[in-house]
N, C-alpha and C. Protein backbone atom coordinates (compact mmCIF):
# COMPACT_ATOMS: atom_id res chain seq x y z
N MET A 1 52.25 12.52 -183.66
CA MET A 1 53.60 12.00 -183.77
C MET A 1 54.56 13.15 -183.98
N THR A 2 55.66 13.18 -183.23
CA THR A 2 56.65 14.24 -183.37
C THR A 2 57.70 13.84 -184.38
N SER A 3 58.29 14.82 -185.03
CA SER A 3 59.33 14.52 -185.99
C SER A 3 60.64 14.27 -185.23
N PRO A 4 61.50 13.42 -185.78
CA PRO A 4 62.76 13.12 -185.10
C PRO A 4 63.64 14.35 -185.01
N ALA A 5 64.55 14.33 -184.06
CA ALA A 5 65.49 15.45 -183.89
C ALA A 5 66.34 15.58 -185.15
N PRO A 6 66.73 16.81 -185.48
CA PRO A 6 67.57 17.00 -186.67
C PRO A 6 68.93 16.32 -186.50
N GLN A 7 69.44 15.83 -187.60
CA GLN A 7 70.77 15.24 -187.62
C GLN A 7 71.80 16.37 -187.72
N ASP A 8 72.79 16.41 -186.85
CA ASP A 8 73.84 17.43 -186.91
C ASP A 8 74.81 17.11 -188.03
N VAL A 9 75.12 18.13 -188.84
CA VAL A 9 76.07 17.98 -189.94
C VAL A 9 77.20 18.97 -189.72
N PRO A 10 78.37 18.49 -189.24
CA PRO A 10 79.50 19.41 -189.01
C PRO A 10 80.07 19.89 -190.34
N ILE A 11 80.17 21.22 -190.47
CA ILE A 11 80.67 21.80 -191.72
C ILE A 11 82.09 22.34 -191.60
N GLY A 12 82.60 22.46 -190.37
CA GLY A 12 83.98 22.89 -190.18
C GLY A 12 84.20 24.38 -190.38
N SER A 13 83.13 25.16 -190.42
CA SER A 13 83.25 26.61 -190.54
C SER A 13 82.00 27.24 -189.96
N GLU A 14 81.89 28.54 -190.06
CA GLU A 14 80.75 29.26 -189.49
C GLU A 14 79.53 29.32 -190.41
N GLY A 15 79.75 29.10 -191.71
CA GLY A 15 78.62 29.22 -192.63
C GLY A 15 78.84 28.44 -193.91
N ILE A 16 77.74 28.18 -194.61
CA ILE A 16 77.77 27.47 -195.89
C ILE A 16 76.49 27.82 -196.63
N ARG A 17 76.53 27.80 -197.93
CA ARG A 17 75.32 28.09 -198.72
C ARG A 17 74.43 26.84 -198.79
N LEU A 18 73.13 27.09 -198.99
CA LEU A 18 72.14 26.02 -198.95
C LEU A 18 72.43 24.90 -199.96
N GLY A 19 72.67 25.24 -201.21
CA GLY A 19 72.91 24.22 -202.24
C GLY A 19 74.08 23.31 -201.88
N PRO A 20 75.25 23.89 -201.63
CA PRO A 20 76.40 23.05 -201.25
C PRO A 20 76.16 22.26 -199.96
N PHE A 21 75.42 22.83 -199.01
CA PHE A 21 75.14 22.11 -197.77
C PHE A 21 74.34 20.84 -198.06
N MET A 22 73.35 20.94 -198.94
CA MET A 22 72.52 19.77 -199.24
C MET A 22 73.34 18.65 -199.87
N LYS A 23 74.30 19.00 -200.72
CA LYS A 23 75.17 17.98 -201.30
C LYS A 23 76.13 17.44 -200.25
N PHE A 24 76.73 18.33 -199.46
CA PHE A 24 77.70 17.94 -198.43
C PHE A 24 77.07 17.00 -197.40
N ALA A 25 75.82 17.30 -197.01
CA ALA A 25 75.13 16.50 -196.01
C ALA A 25 74.60 15.18 -196.58
N GLY A 26 74.66 15.02 -197.90
CA GLY A 26 74.17 13.80 -198.53
C GLY A 26 72.66 13.75 -198.67
N ILE A 27 72.03 14.93 -198.58
CA ILE A 27 70.57 14.99 -198.71
C ILE A 27 70.17 14.62 -200.14
N LEU A 28 70.88 15.17 -201.10
CA LEU A 28 70.74 14.81 -202.52
C LEU A 28 72.14 14.68 -203.10
N ASP A 29 72.27 13.87 -204.15
CA ASP A 29 73.60 13.58 -204.69
C ASP A 29 74.07 14.55 -205.76
N SER A 30 73.16 15.07 -206.56
CA SER A 30 73.61 15.90 -207.68
C SER A 30 73.17 17.35 -207.50
N GLY A 31 73.98 18.23 -208.05
CA GLY A 31 73.65 19.65 -208.00
C GLY A 31 72.35 19.95 -208.73
N GLY A 32 72.08 19.22 -209.79
CA GLY A 32 70.83 19.43 -210.53
C GLY A 32 69.61 19.07 -209.69
N ASP A 33 69.71 17.97 -208.95
CA ASP A 33 68.61 17.58 -208.07
C ASP A 33 68.40 18.59 -206.95
N VAL A 34 69.51 19.09 -206.41
CA VAL A 34 69.44 20.11 -205.35
C VAL A 34 68.75 21.35 -205.88
N LYS A 35 69.18 21.81 -207.05
CA LYS A 35 68.60 23.02 -207.66
C LYS A 35 67.10 22.85 -207.85
N GLU A 36 66.71 21.72 -208.40
CA GLU A 36 65.29 21.46 -208.67
C GLU A 36 64.46 21.43 -207.38
N ALA A 37 64.96 20.73 -206.36
CA ALA A 37 64.24 20.62 -205.09
C ALA A 37 64.04 21.98 -204.44
N ILE A 38 65.09 22.81 -204.49
CA ILE A 38 65.00 24.14 -203.87
C ILE A 38 64.04 25.03 -204.66
N ILE A 39 64.21 25.10 -205.97
CA ILE A 39 63.38 25.97 -206.80
C ILE A 39 61.91 25.54 -206.73
N ASP A 40 61.66 24.24 -206.65
CA ASP A 40 60.28 23.74 -206.61
C ASP A 40 59.63 23.90 -205.23
N GLY A 41 60.38 24.40 -204.25
CA GLY A 41 59.82 24.69 -202.93
C GLY A 41 59.73 23.49 -202.00
N TYR A 42 60.55 22.46 -202.22
CA TYR A 42 60.52 21.28 -201.37
C TYR A 42 61.47 21.36 -200.17
N VAL A 43 62.23 22.44 -200.09
CA VAL A 43 63.23 22.57 -199.03
C VAL A 43 62.82 23.69 -198.07
N GLU A 44 62.91 23.39 -196.78
CA GLU A 44 62.63 24.40 -195.75
C GLU A 44 63.90 24.70 -194.98
N VAL A 45 64.05 25.97 -194.62
CA VAL A 45 65.14 26.38 -193.73
C VAL A 45 64.48 27.01 -192.51
N ASN A 46 64.74 26.44 -191.38
CA ASN A 46 64.16 26.90 -190.11
C ASN A 46 62.63 26.98 -190.19
N GLY A 47 62.03 25.97 -190.84
CA GLY A 47 60.58 25.87 -190.89
C GLY A 47 59.88 26.65 -191.98
N GLU A 48 60.65 27.35 -192.83
CA GLU A 48 60.05 28.14 -193.91
C GLU A 48 60.65 27.74 -195.25
N VAL A 49 59.80 27.64 -196.28
CA VAL A 49 60.29 27.32 -197.62
C VAL A 49 61.24 28.42 -198.06
N ASP A 50 62.40 28.01 -198.59
CA ASP A 50 63.37 28.97 -199.12
C ASP A 50 63.80 28.48 -200.49
N ARG A 51 63.63 29.31 -201.50
CA ARG A 51 63.92 28.92 -202.89
C ARG A 51 65.24 29.48 -203.40
N ARG A 52 66.14 29.84 -202.48
CA ARG A 52 67.43 30.41 -202.87
C ARG A 52 68.55 29.41 -202.59
N ARG A 53 69.15 28.87 -203.66
CA ARG A 53 70.29 27.95 -203.48
C ARG A 53 71.44 28.63 -202.77
N GLY A 54 71.57 29.93 -203.00
CA GLY A 54 72.68 30.69 -202.43
C GLY A 54 72.42 31.21 -201.03
N ARG A 55 71.32 30.83 -200.43
CA ARG A 55 71.01 31.29 -199.07
C ARG A 55 72.16 30.90 -198.15
N GLN A 56 72.67 31.87 -197.41
CA GLN A 56 73.76 31.62 -196.48
C GLN A 56 73.21 31.01 -195.19
N LEU A 57 73.65 29.81 -194.88
CA LEU A 57 73.24 29.13 -193.66
C LEU A 57 74.28 29.42 -192.57
N GLN A 58 73.81 29.50 -191.35
CA GLN A 58 74.69 29.70 -190.20
C GLN A 58 74.57 28.50 -189.28
N VAL A 59 75.54 28.34 -188.38
CA VAL A 59 75.49 27.27 -187.40
C VAL A 59 74.16 27.35 -186.64
N GLY A 60 73.49 26.23 -186.52
CA GLY A 60 72.20 26.16 -185.83
C GLY A 60 71.00 26.15 -186.76
N ASP A 61 71.17 26.58 -188.02
CA ASP A 61 70.06 26.54 -188.97
C ASP A 61 69.69 25.08 -189.25
N VAL A 62 68.39 24.85 -189.48
CA VAL A 62 67.89 23.50 -189.74
C VAL A 62 67.28 23.46 -191.14
N VAL A 63 67.77 22.54 -191.95
CA VAL A 63 67.28 22.32 -193.32
C VAL A 63 66.43 21.05 -193.31
N THR A 64 65.22 21.16 -193.86
CA THR A 64 64.32 20.02 -193.89
C THR A 64 63.95 19.69 -195.33
N PHE A 65 64.01 18.40 -195.67
CA PHE A 65 63.65 17.92 -197.00
C PHE A 65 63.05 16.53 -196.85
N GLU A 66 61.86 16.35 -197.38
CA GLU A 66 61.15 15.06 -197.35
C GLU A 66 61.07 14.47 -195.94
N GLY A 67 60.76 15.33 -194.97
CA GLY A 67 60.55 14.86 -193.61
C GLY A 67 61.80 14.61 -192.79
N ARG A 68 62.95 14.78 -193.40
CA ARG A 68 64.22 14.62 -192.67
C ARG A 68 64.82 15.99 -192.43
N SER A 69 65.40 16.19 -191.24
CA SER A 69 65.97 17.49 -190.89
C SER A 69 67.45 17.36 -190.58
N PHE A 70 68.19 18.39 -190.98
CA PHE A 70 69.65 18.42 -190.82
C PHE A 70 70.03 19.78 -190.26
N ARG A 71 70.79 19.79 -189.16
CA ARG A 71 71.19 21.04 -188.51
C ARG A 71 72.64 21.35 -188.85
N VAL A 72 72.90 22.59 -189.25
CA VAL A 72 74.26 23.05 -189.53
C VAL A 72 75.01 23.11 -188.20
N HIS A 73 76.14 22.41 -188.15
CA HIS A 73 76.93 22.32 -186.92
C HIS A 73 78.38 22.68 -187.26
N ALA A 74 79.03 23.44 -186.38
CA ALA A 74 80.42 23.88 -186.64
C ALA A 74 81.38 22.72 -186.56
């Protein structure tokens, strides 16, 4: 079974940090939940676990959490 295509999330700029992107995209509601999910290694960026909330995302990057994927879109 293939995973569904990532959902595009328009951010209105060229870049955004991982933590704020997760809240903006509605992946998680609270900053505390975002911090915990990232630090605990539950978040992937472009297919690799990334534990940095401050990771700078660029247009085209794909964030995956609990089997759902979200692509940074300008």
